[in-house]
């Protein structure tokens, strides 16, 4: 069976060959801007003369959320033999690399559609 995925970091649209009008949407749940109480624009005050720039913590949280999204998406693709991936930005490349690392996808054909930058018509 063949499937096409269009994705960005906010969601993925999945549709099977021959059933393009019946696309399924999978939200990523990635939080791009999380405000923790006590936090200002760049960090957290720890006292009169100390503060921390928690950019590394934010980056790690974001990367973990993306990895969780890719795992959830990969779980829905195990039944397919041919997988085509397209999308905007770096999300399609990241998903392609993620699937390439998984043992369950080594015997499957996974393609990166580099020209598919726009969402296919009919998907919203």
C-alpha atoms as a PDB file:
ATOM      1  CA  UNK A   1       0.000   0.000   0.000  1.00  0.00           C
ATOM      2  CA  UNK A   2       1.122   3.539  -0.741  1.00  0.00           C
ATOM      3  CA  UNK A   3       0.683   6.679   1.336  1.00  0.00           C
ATOM      4  CA  UNK A   4       1.617  10.364   1.061  1.00  0.00           C
ATOM      5  CA  UNK A   5       2.328  12.623   4.029  1.00  0.00           C
ATOM      6  CA  UNK A   6       2.426  16.397   3.910  1.00  0.00           C
ATOM      7  CA  UNK A   7       3.745  17.901   7.113  1.00  0.00           C
ATOM      8  CA  UNK A   8       5.156  20.877   8.869  1.00  0.00           C
ATOM      9  CA  UNK A   9       6.020  21.260  12.547  1.00  0.00           C
ATOM     10  CA  UNK A  10       2.410  21.959  13.539  1.00  0.00           C
ATOM     11  CA  UNK A  11       0.577  19.039  11.880  1.00  0.00           C
ATOM     12  CA  UNK A  12       0.710  16.214   9.353  1.00  0.00           C
ATOM     13  CA  UNK A  13      -1.880  15.360   6.706  1.00  0.00           C
ATOM     14  CA  UNK A  14      -1.933  11.698   5.765  1.00  0.00           C
ATOM     15  CA  UNK A  15      -3.693  10.294   2.739  1.00  0.00           C
ATOM     16  CA  UNK A  16      -3.596   6.980   0.949  1.00  0.00           C
ATOM     17  CA  UNK A  17      -3.188   6.610  -2.786  1.00  0.00           C
ATOM     18  CA  UNK A  18      -6.587   6.665  -4.456  1.00  0.00           C
ATOM     19  CA  UNK A  19      -8.247   8.279  -1.425  1.00  0.00           C
ATOM     20  CA  UNK A  20      -6.774  11.780  -1.565  1.00  0.00           C
ATOM     21  CA  UNK A  21     -10.043  13.427  -0.505  1.00  0.00           C
ATOM     22  CA  UNK A  22     -10.141  11.425   2.741  1.00  0.00           C
ATOM     23  CA  UNK A  23      -7.057  12.916   4.388  1.00  0.00           C
ATOM     24  CA  UNK A  24      -6.434  12.437   8.093  1.00  0.00           C
ATOM     25  CA  UNK A  25      -4.905  15.247  10.108  1.00  0.00           C
ATOM     26  CA  UNK A  26      -2.528  14.579  12.978  1.00  0.00           C
ATOM     27  CA  UNK A  27      -1.713  17.591  15.165  1.00  0.00           C
ATOM     28  CA  UNK A  28       1.829  17.711  16.499  1.00  0.00           C
ATOM     29  CA  UNK A  29       1.094  19.282  19.868  1.00  0.00           C
ATOM     30  CA  UNK A  30       4.386  21.170  19.659  1.00  0.00           C
ATOM     31  CA  UNK A  31       4.289  24.290  21.797  1.00  0.00           C
ATOM     32  CA  UNK A  32       6.318  26.976  20.114  1.00  0.00           C
ATOM     33  CA  UNK A  33       5.955  29.595  22.819  1.00  0.00           C
ATOM     34  CA  UNK A  34       5.645  28.405  26.393  1.00  0.00           C
ATOM     35  CA  UNK A  35       5.588  30.938  29.223  1.00  0.00           C
ATOM     36  CA  UNK A  36       6.382  29.663  32.690  1.00  0.00           C
ATOM     37  CA  UNK A  37       5.294  31.870  35.633  1.00  0.00           C
ATOM     38  CA  UNK A  38       8.235  33.956  36.879  1.00  0.00           C
ATOM     39  CA  UNK A  39       9.908  33.951  33.507  1.00  0.00           C
ATOM     40  CA  UNK A  40      10.644  37.121  31.575  1.00  0.00           C
ATOM     41  CA  UNK A  41      11.537  37.462  27.900  1.00  0.00           C
ATOM     42  CA  UNK A  42      14.943  35.778  28.075  1.00  0.00           C
ATOM     43  CA  UNK A  43      15.217  33.907  31.352  1.00  0.00           C
ATOM     44  CA  UNK A  44      14.345  33.487  34.993  1.00  0.00           C
ATOM     45  CA  UNK A  45      15.529  35.599  37.892  1.00  0.00           C
ATOM     46  CA  UNK A  46      17.097  33.559  40.659  1.00  0.00           C
ATOM     47  CA  UNK A  47      17.803  36.374  43.130  1.00  0.00           C
ATOM     48  CA  UNK A  48      19.136  39.892  43.303  1.00  0.00           C
ATOM     49  CA  UNK A  49      22.209  39.330  41.151  1.00  0.00           C
ATOM     50  CA  UNK A  50      21.571  36.004  39.429  1.00  0.00           C
ATOM     51  CA  UNK A  51      19.482  34.944  36.471  1.00  0.00           C
ATOM     52  CA  UNK A  52      19.518  32.140  33.943  1.00  0.00           C
ATOM     53  CA  UNK A  53      19.081  32.075  30.218  1.00  0.00           C
ATOM     54  CA  UNK A  54      17.080  28.910  29.704  1.00  0.00           C
ATOM     55  CA  UNK A  55      17.355  28.833  25.922  1.00  0.00           C
ATOM     56  CA  UNK A  56      18.888  25.346  26.076  1.00  0.00           C
ATOM     57  CA  UNK A  57      15.951  24.060  28.144  1.00  0.00           C
ATOM     58  CA  UNK A  58      13.450  25.528  25.685  1.00  0.00           C
ATOM     59  CA  UNK A  59      15.320  24.019  22.763  1.00  0.00           C
ATOM     60  CA  UNK A  60      15.425  20.576  24.423  1.00  0.00           C
ATOM     61  CA  UNK A  61      11.699  20.751  25.230  1.00  0.00           C
ATOM     62  CA  UNK A  62      10.924  21.671  21.600  1.00  0.00           C
ATOM     63  CA  UNK A  63      13.122  18.861  20.222  1.00  0.00           C
ATOM     64  CA  UNK A  64      11.493  16.319  22.568  1.00  0.00           C
ATOM     65  CA  UNK A  65       8.021  17.414  21.457  1.00  0.00           C
ATOM     66  CA  UNK A  66       9.005  17.060  17.784  1.00  0.00           C
ATOM     67  CA  UNK A  67      10.495  13.615  18.397  1.00  0.00           C
ATOM     68  CA  UNK A  68       7.281  12.541  20.140  1.00  0.00           C
ATOM     69  CA  UNK A  69       5.254  13.804  17.144  1.00  0.00           C
ATOM     70  CA  UNK A  70       7.467  11.888  14.698  1.00  0.00           C
ATOM     71  CA  UNK A  71       7.139   8.695  16.794  1.00  0.00           C
ATOM     72  CA  UNK A  72       3.343   9.024  16.817  1.00  0.00           C
ATOM     73  CA  UNK A  73       3.307   9.603  13.055  1.00  0.00           C
ATOM     74  CA  UNK A  74       5.668   6.676  12.395  1.00  0.00           C
ATOM     75  CA  UNK A  75       3.321   4.428  14.376  1.00  0.00           C
ATOM     76  CA  UNK A  76       0.561   5.140  11.855  1.00  0.00           C
ATOM     77  CA  UNK A  77       2.805   4.318   8.878  1.00  0.00           C
ATOM     78  CA  UNK A  78       3.934   0.786   9.731  1.00  0.00           C
ATOM     79  CA  UNK A  79       1.289  -0.875   7.518  1.00  0.00           C
ATOM     80  CA  UNK A  80       2.450   0.869   4.331  1.00  0.00           C
ATOM     81  CA  UNK A  81       5.149  -0.304   1.902  1.00  0.00           C
ATOM     82  CA  UNK A  82       5.675   2.969  -0.011  1.00  0.00           C
ATOM     83  CA  UNK A  83       5.793   6.246   1.895  1.00  0.00           C
ATOM     84  CA  UNK A  84       6.188   9.649   0.209  1.00  0.00           C
ATOM     85  CA  UNK A  85       6.909  12.676   2.383  1.00  0.00           C
ATOM     86  CA  UNK A  86       6.529  16.335   1.441  1.00  0.00           C
ATOM     87  CA  UNK A  87       6.097  19.577   3.276  1.00  0.00           C
ATOM     88  CA  UNK A  88       7.466  22.944   4.212  1.00  0.00           C
ATOM     89  CA  UNK A  89      10.664  23.924   5.923  1.00  0.00           C
ATOM     90  CA  UNK A  90      12.760  21.212   7.496  1.00  0.00           C
ATOM     91  CA  UNK A  91       9.919  19.008   8.772  1.00  0.00           C
ATOM     92  CA  UNK A  92       9.863  16.698   5.731  1.00  0.00           C
ATOM     93  CA  UNK A  93      13.642  16.163   5.882  1.00  0.00           C
ATOM     94  CA  UNK A  94      13.499  15.539   9.625  1.00  0.00           C
ATOM     95  CA  UNK A  95      10.715  12.960   9.219  1.00  0.00           C
ATOM     96  CA  UNK A  96      12.594  11.240   6.386  1.00  0.00           C
ATOM     97  CA  UNK A  97      15.726  11.008   8.537  1.00  0.00           C
ATOM     98  CA  UNK A  98      13.690   9.798  11.517  1.00  0.00           C
ATOM     99  CA  UNK A  99      12.118   6.972   9.481  1.00  0.00           C
ATOM    100  CA  UNK A 100      15.504   6.050   8.002  1.00  0.00           C
ATOM    101  CA  UNK A 101      16.844   5.389  11.504  1.00  0.00           C
ATOM    102  CA  UNK A 102      14.014   3.030  12.501  1.00  0.00           C
ATOM    103  CA  UNK A 103      14.483  -0.691  11.917  1.00  0.00           C
ATOM    104  CA  UNK A 104      10.778  -1.132  11.088  1.00  0.00           C
ATOM    105  CA  UNK A 105      11.186   1.071   7.982  1.00  0.00           C
ATOM    106  CA  UNK A 106      14.415  -0.345   6.572  1.00  0.00           C
ATOM    107  CA  UNK A 107      12.599  -2.727   4.193  1.00  0.00           C
ATOM    108  CA  UNK A 108      10.077  -0.087   3.077  1.00  0.00           C
ATOM    109  CA  UNK A 109      10.393   2.449   0.273  1.00  0.00           C
ATOM    110  CA  UNK A 110      10.501   5.946   1.771  1.00  0.00           C
ATOM    111  CA  UNK A 111      10.713   8.907  -0.611  1.00  0.00           C
ATOM    112  CA  UNK A 112      11.282  12.580   0.057  1.00  0.00           C
ATOM    113  CA  UNK A 113       9.247  14.729  -2.341  1.00  0.00           C
ATOM    114  CA  UNK A 114      11.511  17.776  -2.413  1.00  0.00           C
ATOM    115  CA  UNK A 115       9.251  19.726  -4.785  1.00  0.00           C
ATOM    116  CA  UNK A 116       6.132  19.374  -2.591  1.00  0.00           C
ATOM    117  CA  UNK A 117       6.380  22.669  -0.708  1.00  0.00           C
ATOM    118  CA  UNK A 118       2.696  23.535  -0.952  1.00  0.00           C
ATOM    119  CA  UNK A 119      -0.071  21.582   0.675  1.00  0.00           C
ATOM    120  CA  UNK A 120      -2.020  19.476  -1.840  1.00  0.00           C
ATOM    121  CA  UNK A 121      -5.357  20.963  -2.890  1.00  0.00           C
ATOM    122  CA  UNK A 122      -8.269  20.022  -0.675  1.00  0.00           C
ATOM    123  CA  UNK A 123      -6.252  19.611   2.524  1.00  0.00           C
ATOM    124  CA  UNK A 124      -6.832  22.099   5.330  1.00  0.00           C
END
